[in-house]
């Protein structure tokens, strides 16, 4: 499968999660998930492998952890990050809310200006990658 075909398969899998309600620590399409559950679920669907279990985590885990757990896990499963200018549909994007903070949010790029993510007030949605989201991008990773 070519890179573009693989990217489209990932986007198609992620779009199938749209409408899933937000549930902290959830990871079940249609029943409930958070941003990590969405990415782990799509990863499982497209690679056939289960990503590591993160264990229980509080909503403020990134503020208290002292390590960039989300970025470290992405590296373990997907390799080194890629430059944002090389990002394409199907790539995982990680966000930090402020400079110097740990990455805390994840989504899947669905096009040059859109991404799919599980957002607390809305569940799984496809959003425009506006400037306020772009400036928070901490890393981009490609599914293996």
C-alpha atoms as a PDB file:
ATOM      1  CA  UNK A   1       0.000   0.000   0.000  1.00  0.00           C
ATOM      2  CA  UNK A   2       1.437   3.413  -0.960  1.00  0.00           C
ATOM      3  CA  UNK A   3       1.927   6.174   1.600  1.00  0.00           C
ATOM      4  CA  UNK A   4      -1.129   8.060   0.333  1.00  0.00           C
ATOM      5  CA  UNK A   5      -3.261   4.898   0.371  1.00  0.00           C
ATOM      6  CA  UNK A   6      -2.113   4.049   3.900  1.00  0.00           C
ATOM      7  CA  UNK A   7      -2.833   7.605   5.008  1.00  0.00           C
ATOM      8  CA  UNK A   8      -6.333   7.455   3.541  1.00  0.00           C
ATOM      9  CA  UNK A   9      -6.992   4.092   5.251  1.00  0.00           C
ATOM     10  CA  UNK A  10      -5.999   5.666   8.583  1.00  0.00           C
ATOM     11  CA  UNK A  11      -8.220   8.705   7.970  1.00  0.00           C
ATOM     12  CA  UNK A  12     -11.126   6.437   6.989  1.00  0.00           C
ATOM     13  CA  UNK A  13     -10.654   4.411  10.205  1.00  0.00           C
ATOM     14  CA  UNK A  14     -10.511   7.606  12.283  1.00  0.00           C
ATOM     15  CA  UNK A  15     -13.614   9.065  10.619  1.00  0.00           C
ATOM     16  CA  UNK A  16     -15.532   5.926  11.594  1.00  0.00           C
ATOM     17  CA  UNK A  17     -15.024   7.060  15.229  1.00  0.00           C
ATOM     18  CA  UNK A  18     -16.680  10.467  14.660  1.00  0.00           C
ATOM     19  CA  UNK A  19     -19.677  10.823  16.942  1.00  0.00           C
ATOM     20  CA  UNK A  20     -18.197   8.601  19.655  1.00  0.00           C
ATOM     21  CA  UNK A  21     -18.832  10.405  22.960  1.00  0.00           C
ATOM     22  CA  UNK A  22     -15.952  11.650  25.071  1.00  0.00           C
ATOM     23  CA  UNK A  23     -15.077   9.346  27.976  1.00  0.00           C
ATOM     24  CA  UNK A  24     -11.891   9.863  29.979  1.00  0.00           C
ATOM     25  CA  UNK A  25      -9.683   6.763  29.571  1.00  0.00           C
ATOM     26  CA  UNK A  26     -12.176   5.241  27.133  1.00  0.00           C
ATOM     27  CA  UNK A  27     -11.165   3.505  23.945  1.00  0.00           C
ATOM     28  CA  UNK A  28     -14.261   1.950  22.372  1.00  0.00           C
ATOM     29  CA  UNK A  29     -15.621   3.197  19.071  1.00  0.00           C
ATOM     30  CA  UNK A  30     -19.235   4.266  19.497  1.00  0.00           C
ATOM     31  CA  UNK A  31     -19.194   3.807  23.286  1.00  0.00           C
ATOM     32  CA  UNK A  32     -16.663   6.406  24.431  1.00  0.00           C
ATOM     33  CA  UNK A  33     -13.056   7.484  24.179  1.00  0.00           C
ATOM     34  CA  UNK A  34     -10.610  10.239  24.947  1.00  0.00           C
ATOM     35  CA  UNK A  35      -7.925  11.455  22.542  1.00  0.00           C
ATOM     36  CA  UNK A  36      -5.510   8.697  23.536  1.00  0.00           C
ATOM     37  CA  UNK A  37      -8.217   6.040  23.237  1.00  0.00           C
ATOM     38  CA  UNK A  38      -9.027   7.283  19.732  1.00  0.00           C
ATOM     39  CA  UNK A  39      -5.405   7.109  18.558  1.00  0.00           C
ATOM     40  CA  UNK A  40      -4.840   3.724  20.238  1.00  0.00           C
ATOM     41  CA  UNK A  41      -8.072   2.378  18.710  1.00  0.00           C
ATOM     42  CA  UNK A  42      -7.196   3.525  15.197  1.00  0.00           C
ATOM     43  CA  UNK A  43      -3.637   2.208  15.670  1.00  0.00           C
ATOM     44  CA  UNK A  44      -5.081  -1.192  16.627  1.00  0.00           C
ATOM     45  CA  UNK A  45      -7.437  -1.194  13.637  1.00  0.00           C
ATOM     46  CA  UNK A  46      -4.831  -0.271  11.024  1.00  0.00           C
ATOM     47  CA  UNK A  47      -1.750  -2.108  12.335  1.00  0.00           C
ATOM     48  CA  UNK A  48      -3.431  -5.138  13.887  1.00  0.00           C
ATOM     49  CA  UNK A  49      -1.343  -4.553  17.029  1.00  0.00           C
ATOM     50  CA  UNK A  50      -2.354  -3.250  20.407  1.00  0.00           C
ATOM     51  CA  UNK A  51      -0.419  -0.200  21.616  1.00  0.00           C
ATOM     52  CA  UNK A  52       0.867  -0.399  25.172  1.00  0.00           C
ATOM     53  CA  UNK A  53      -1.692   0.023  27.918  1.00  0.00           C
ATOM     54  CA  UNK A  54      -1.135   3.426  29.529  1.00  0.00           C
ATOM     55  CA  UNK A  55      -2.589   2.384  32.885  1.00  0.00           C
ATOM     56  CA  UNK A  56      -4.919   4.651  34.836  1.00  0.00           C
ATOM     57  CA  UNK A  57      -4.323   8.365  34.384  1.00  0.00           C
ATOM     58  CA  UNK A  58      -5.952  11.428  35.880  1.00  0.00           C
ATOM     59  CA  UNK A  59      -7.156  14.316  33.711  1.00  0.00           C
ATOM     60  CA  UNK A  60      -4.149  16.362  34.891  1.00  0.00           C
ATOM     61  CA  UNK A  61      -1.576  13.570  34.288  1.00  0.00           C
ATOM     62  CA  UNK A  62       0.579  15.691  31.962  1.00  0.00           C
ATOM     63  CA  UNK A  63       0.927  18.483  34.496  1.00  0.00           C
ATOM     64  CA  UNK A  64       1.996  16.101  37.259  1.00  0.00           C
ATOM     65  CA  UNK A  65       4.126  13.561  35.395  1.00  0.00           C
ATOM     66  CA  UNK A  66       7.317  15.533  34.795  1.00  0.00           C
ATOM     67  CA  UNK A  67       8.028  13.503  31.642  1.00  0.00           C
ATOM     68  CA  UNK A  68       6.643  13.814  28.140  1.00  0.00           C
ATOM     69  CA  UNK A  69       4.917  10.419  28.294  1.00  0.00           C
ATOM     70  CA  UNK A  70       2.788  10.959  25.203  1.00  0.00           C
ATOM     71  CA  UNK A  71       5.752  11.861  22.990  1.00  0.00           C
ATOM     72  CA  UNK A  72       7.867   9.031  24.419  1.00  0.00           C
ATOM     73  CA  UNK A  73       5.088   6.506  23.722  1.00  0.00           C
ATOM     74  CA  UNK A  74       4.670   7.836  20.168  1.00  0.00           C
ATOM     75  CA  UNK A  75       8.406   7.353  19.582  1.00  0.00           C
ATOM     76  CA  UNK A  76       8.264   3.772  20.887  1.00  0.00           C
ATOM     77  CA  UNK A  77       5.399   2.841  18.573  1.00  0.00           C
ATOM     78  CA  UNK A  78       6.000   5.056  15.543  1.00  0.00           C
ATOM     79  CA  UNK A  79       9.667   6.074  15.563  1.00  0.00           C
ATOM     80  CA  UNK A  80      11.063   9.571  15.608  1.00  0.00           C
ATOM     81  CA  UNK A  81       8.842  12.540  14.916  1.00  0.00           C
ATOM     82  CA  UNK A  82       8.745  14.058  11.465  1.00  0.00           C
ATOM     83  CA  UNK A  83       8.864  17.762  10.556  1.00  0.00           C
ATOM     84  CA  UNK A  84       5.448  19.417  10.546  1.00  0.00           C
ATOM     85  CA  UNK A  85       5.978  20.528   6.931  1.00  0.00           C
ATOM     86  CA  UNK A  86       6.226  16.822   5.954  1.00  0.00           C
ATOM     87  CA  UNK A  87       2.978  15.873   7.697  1.00  0.00           C
ATOM     88  CA  UNK A  88       0.302  14.188   5.617  1.00  0.00           C
ATOM     89  CA  UNK A  89      -3.158  12.758   6.115  1.00  0.00           C
ATOM     90  CA  UNK A  90      -3.085   9.838   8.535  1.00  0.00           C
ATOM     91  CA  UNK A  91      -0.253  11.178  10.695  1.00  0.00           C
ATOM     92  CA  UNK A  92      -0.597  11.480  14.464  1.00  0.00           C
ATOM     93  CA  UNK A  93      -0.297  15.009  15.785  1.00  0.00           C
ATOM     94  CA  UNK A  94       0.480  15.729  19.417  1.00  0.00           C
ATOM     95  CA  UNK A  95      -0.275  19.023  21.104  1.00  0.00           C
ATOM     96  CA  UNK A  96       0.918  20.893  24.191  1.00  0.00           C
ATOM     97  CA  UNK A  97      -1.267  23.622  25.635  1.00  0.00           C
ATOM     98  CA  UNK A  98       1.650  25.944  26.466  1.00  0.00           C
ATOM     99  CA  UNK A  99       5.381  26.155  25.759  1.00  0.00           C
ATOM    100  CA  UNK A 100       7.359  24.222  28.331  1.00  0.00           C
ATOM    101  CA  UNK A 101       4.393  21.959  29.172  1.00  0.00           C
ATOM    102  CA  UNK A 102       4.161  18.258  28.379  1.00  0.00           C
ATOM    103  CA  UNK A 103       2.189  17.157  25.312  1.00  0.00           C
ATOM    104  CA  UNK A 104      -1.341  16.398  26.450  1.00  0.00           C
ATOM    105  CA  UNK A 105      -3.606  16.041  23.424  1.00  0.00           C
ATOM    106  CA  UNK A 106      -3.521  13.857  20.314  1.00  0.00           C
ATOM    107  CA  UNK A 107      -5.301  13.701  17.014  1.00  0.00           C
ATOM    108  CA  UNK A 108      -5.002  12.305  13.503  1.00  0.00           C
ATOM    109  CA  UNK A 109      -4.382  14.617  10.575  1.00  0.00           C
ATOM    110  CA  UNK A 110      -7.198  14.150   8.053  1.00  0.00           C
ATOM    111  CA  UNK A 111      -6.005  16.653   5.462  1.00  0.00           C
ATOM    112  CA  UNK A 112      -3.722  19.654   5.218  1.00  0.00           C
ATOM    113  CA  UNK A 113      -6.015  21.776   7.368  1.00  0.00           C
ATOM    114  CA  UNK A 114      -8.141  19.303   9.358  1.00  0.00           C
ATOM    115  CA  UNK A 115      -7.686  16.724  12.092  1.00  0.00           C
ATOM    116  CA  UNK A 116      -9.796  14.197  13.977  1.00  0.00           C
ATOM    117  CA  UNK A 117      -9.660  14.132  17.773  1.00  0.00           C
ATOM    118  CA  UNK A 118     -11.680  13.370  20.875  1.00  0.00           C
ATOM    119  CA  UNK A 119     -12.440  16.638  22.593  1.00  0.00           C
ATOM    120  CA  UNK A 120     -14.089  16.709  26.003  1.00  0.00           C
ATOM    121  CA  UNK A 121     -17.112  18.885  25.266  1.00  0.00           C
ATOM    122  CA  UNK A 122     -17.813  17.377  21.841  1.00  0.00           C
ATOM    123  CA  UNK A 123     -16.599  13.763  21.615  1.00  0.00           C
ATOM    124  CA  UNK A 124     -14.818  12.629  18.465  1.00  0.00           C
ATOM    125  CA  UNK A 125     -14.982  15.362  15.850  1.00  0.00           C
ATOM    126  CA  UNK A 126     -13.135  16.587  12.793  1.00  0.00           C
ATOM    127  CA  UNK A 127     -11.799  20.097  13.382  1.00  0.00           C
ATOM    128  CA  UNK A 128     -10.134  22.751  11.295  1.00  0.00           C
ATOM    129  CA  UNK A 129      -6.437  23.012  12.100  1.00  0.00           C
ATOM    130  CA  UNK A 130      -6.621  26.756  12.764  1.00  0.00           C
ATOM    131  CA  UNK A 131      -3.681  28.861  13.915  1.00  0.00           C
ATOM    132  CA  UNK A 132      -4.475  28.350  17.608  1.00  0.00           C
ATOM    133  CA  UNK A 133      -4.190  24.561  17.127  1.00  0.00           C
ATOM    134  CA  UNK A 134      -1.161  24.763  14.801  1.00  0.00           C
ATOM    135  CA  UNK A 135       0.926  26.728  17.270  1.00  0.00           C
ATOM    136  CA  UNK A 136       0.335  24.026  19.896  1.00  0.00           C
ATOM    137  CA  UNK A 137       1.689  21.137  17.766  1.00  0.00           C
ATOM    138  CA  UNK A 138       4.455  19.444  19.758  1.00  0.00           C
ATOM    139  CA  UNK A 139       5.225  16.513  17.435  1.00  0.00           C
ATOM    140  CA  UNK A 140       4.041  14.650  14.358  1.00  0.00           C
ATOM    141  CA  UNK A 141       4.410  10.888  14.027  1.00  0.00           C
ATOM    142  CA  UNK A 142       3.627   8.519  11.184  1.00  0.00           C
ATOM    143  CA  UNK A 143       1.835   5.212  11.794  1.00  0.00           C
ATOM    144  CA  UNK A 144       4.199   2.294  11.179  1.00  0.00           C
END
